[in-house]
Amino acid sequence: MALYDRIASFYDPWSRTVTEDIEFYVEAARVSGGPVVELAVGTGRIAVPIAKAGIAVIGVDLSEGMMAVARA
């Protein structure tokens, strides 16, 4: 996942322009009762808002760089 490790530091400014789907996933997580597992979590664009809503999230990704951003 070397490519994603290289772009991890500037991925968020690009991907954060897409936000229409976030509330859908947060609501789906609420309905499910959690916890949520997100595969290919990347920088946490979906997982972080779910966690901020008080729902337990486990995120996995092959890119250590992306995971570092998600944890920050």
C-alpha atoms as a PDB file:
ATOM      1  CA  MET A   1       0.000   0.000   0.000  1.00  0.00           C
ATOM      2  CA  ALA A   2       2.913   2.286  -0.686  1.00  0.00           C
ATOM      3  CA  LEU A   3       0.774   4.574  -2.858  1.00  0.00           C
ATOM      4  CA  TYR A   4      -1.689   5.264  -0.050  1.00  0.00           C
ATOM      5  CA  ASP A   5       1.146   5.742   2.428  1.00  0.00           C
ATOM      6  CA  ARG A   6       2.536   8.442   0.113  1.00  0.00           C
ATOM      7  CA  ILE A   7      -0.768  10.281  -0.298  1.00  0.00           C
ATOM      8  CA  ALA A   8      -2.040   9.900   3.278  1.00  0.00           C
ATOM      9  CA  SER A   9      -0.968  13.398   4.349  1.00  0.00           C
ATOM     10  CA  PHE A  10      -3.013  15.156   1.658  1.00  0.00           C
ATOM     11  CA  TYR A  11      -5.807  12.635   1.082  1.00  0.00           C
ATOM     12  CA  ASP A  12      -8.203  14.258   3.558  1.00  0.00           C
ATOM     13  CA  PRO A  13      -8.372  17.730   1.985  1.00  0.00           C
ATOM     14  CA  TRP A  14      -9.336  16.033  -1.279  1.00  0.00           C
ATOM     15  CA  SER A  15     -11.719  13.413   0.120  1.00  0.00           C
ATOM     16  CA  ARG A  16     -13.389  15.698   2.669  1.00  0.00           C
ATOM     17  CA  THR A  17     -15.154  17.503  -0.168  1.00  0.00           C
ATOM     18  CA  VAL A  18     -17.526  14.522  -0.370  1.00  0.00           C
ATOM     19  CA  THR A  19     -19.763  14.619   2.701  1.00  0.00           C
ATOM     20  CA  GLU A  20     -23.254  13.712   1.517  1.00  0.00           C
ATOM     21  CA  ASP A  21     -22.894  10.072   2.539  1.00  0.00           C
ATOM     22  CA  ILE A  22     -21.572  10.558   6.064  1.00  0.00           C
ATOM     23  CA  GLU A  23     -24.922  11.089   7.789  1.00  0.00           C
ATOM     24  CA  PHE A  24     -26.290   8.009   6.021  1.00  0.00           C
ATOM     25  CA  TYR A  25     -23.526   5.847   7.501  1.00  0.00           C
ATOM     26  CA  VAL A  26     -23.807   7.438  10.951  1.00  0.00           C
ATOM     27  CA  GLU A  27     -27.548   6.747  10.974  1.00  0.00           C
ATOM     28  CA  ALA A  28     -27.009   3.173   9.748  1.00  0.00           C
ATOM     29  CA  ALA A  29     -24.535   2.674  12.594  1.00  0.00           C
ATOM     30  CA  ARG A  30     -27.073   4.045  15.091  1.00  0.00           C
ATOM     31  CA  VAL A  31     -29.767   1.710  13.790  1.00  0.00           C
ATOM     32  CA  SER A  32     -27.413  -1.289  13.951  1.00  0.00           C
ATOM     33  CA  GLY A  33     -26.575  -0.541  17.561  1.00  0.00           C
ATOM     34  CA  GLY A  34     -22.870  -0.964  16.828  1.00  0.00           C
ATOM     35  CA  PRO A  35     -20.118  -1.775  17.032  1.00  0.00           C
ATOM     36  CA  VAL A  36     -19.109  -1.025  13.454  1.00  0.00           C
ATOM     37  CA  VAL A  37     -16.205  -2.581  11.551  1.00  0.00           C
ATOM     38  CA  GLU A  38     -14.975  -0.558   8.583  1.00  0.00           C
ATOM     39  CA  LEU A  39     -12.686  -2.343   6.159  1.00  0.00           C
ATOM     40  CA  ALA A  40     -10.322  -0.121   4.166  1.00  0.00           C
ATOM     41  CA  VAL A  41     -11.010   2.666   6.672  1.00  0.00           C
ATOM     42  CA  GLY A  42      -8.402   4.946   5.109  1.00  0.00           C
ATOM     43  CA  THR A  43      -8.145   8.198   7.025  1.00  0.00           C
ATOM     44  CA  GLY A  44     -11.413   7.608   8.857  1.00  0.00           C
ATOM     45  CA  ARG A  45     -13.683   9.819   6.747  1.00  0.00           C
ATOM     46  CA  ILE A  46     -16.662   7.651   7.755  1.00  0.00           C
ATOM     47  CA  ALA A  47     -15.355   5.969  10.925  1.00  0.00           C
ATOM     48  CA  VAL A  48     -14.472   9.176  12.778  1.00  0.00           C
ATOM     49  CA  PRO A  49     -17.975  10.714  12.553  1.00  0.00           C
ATOM     50  CA  ILE A  50     -19.459   7.390  13.653  1.00  0.00           C
ATOM     51  CA  ALA A  51     -17.128   7.316  16.658  1.00  0.00           C
ATOM     52  CA  LYS A  52     -17.966  10.949  17.458  1.00  0.00           C
ATOM     53  CA  ALA A  53     -21.626   9.881  17.537  1.00  0.00           C
ATOM     54  CA  GLY A  54     -20.700   7.579  20.419  1.00  0.00           C
ATOM     55  CA  ILE A  55     -20.719   4.315  18.485  1.00  0.00           C
ATOM     56  CA  ALA A  56     -17.786   1.917  18.823  1.00  0.00           C
ATOM     57  CA  VAL A  57     -15.785   1.583  15.597  1.00  0.00           C
ATOM     58  CA  ILE A  58     -13.030  -0.799  14.584  1.00  0.00           C
ATOM     59  CA  GLY A  59     -11.194   0.314  11.455  1.00  0.00           C
ATOM     60  CA  VAL A  60      -8.648  -1.682   9.487  1.00  0.00           C
ATOM     61  CA  ASP A  61      -6.535  -0.680   6.520  1.00  0.00           C
ATOM     62  CA  LEU A  62      -3.425  -2.030   4.822  1.00  0.00           C
ATOM     63  CA  SER A  63      -1.904   1.458   4.668  1.00  0.00           C
ATOM     64  CA  GLU A  64      -0.091   2.420   7.866  1.00  0.00           C
ATOM     65  CA  GLY A  65       0.020   6.025   6.639  1.00  0.00           C
ATOM     66  CA  MET A  66      -3.750   6.207   6.274  1.00  0.00           C
ATOM     67  CA  MET A  67      -4.256   4.530   9.652  1.00  0.00           C
ATOM     68  CA  ALA A  68      -1.935   7.070  11.284  1.00  0.00           C
ATOM     69  CA  VAL A  69      -4.096   9.896   9.952  1.00  0.00           C
ATOM     70  CA  ALA A  70      -7.272   8.124  11.130  1.00  0.00           C
ATOM     71  CA  ARG A  71      -5.848   7.748  14.637  1.00  0.00           C
ATOM     72  CA  ALA A  72      -4.778  11.406  14.886  1.00  0.00           C
END
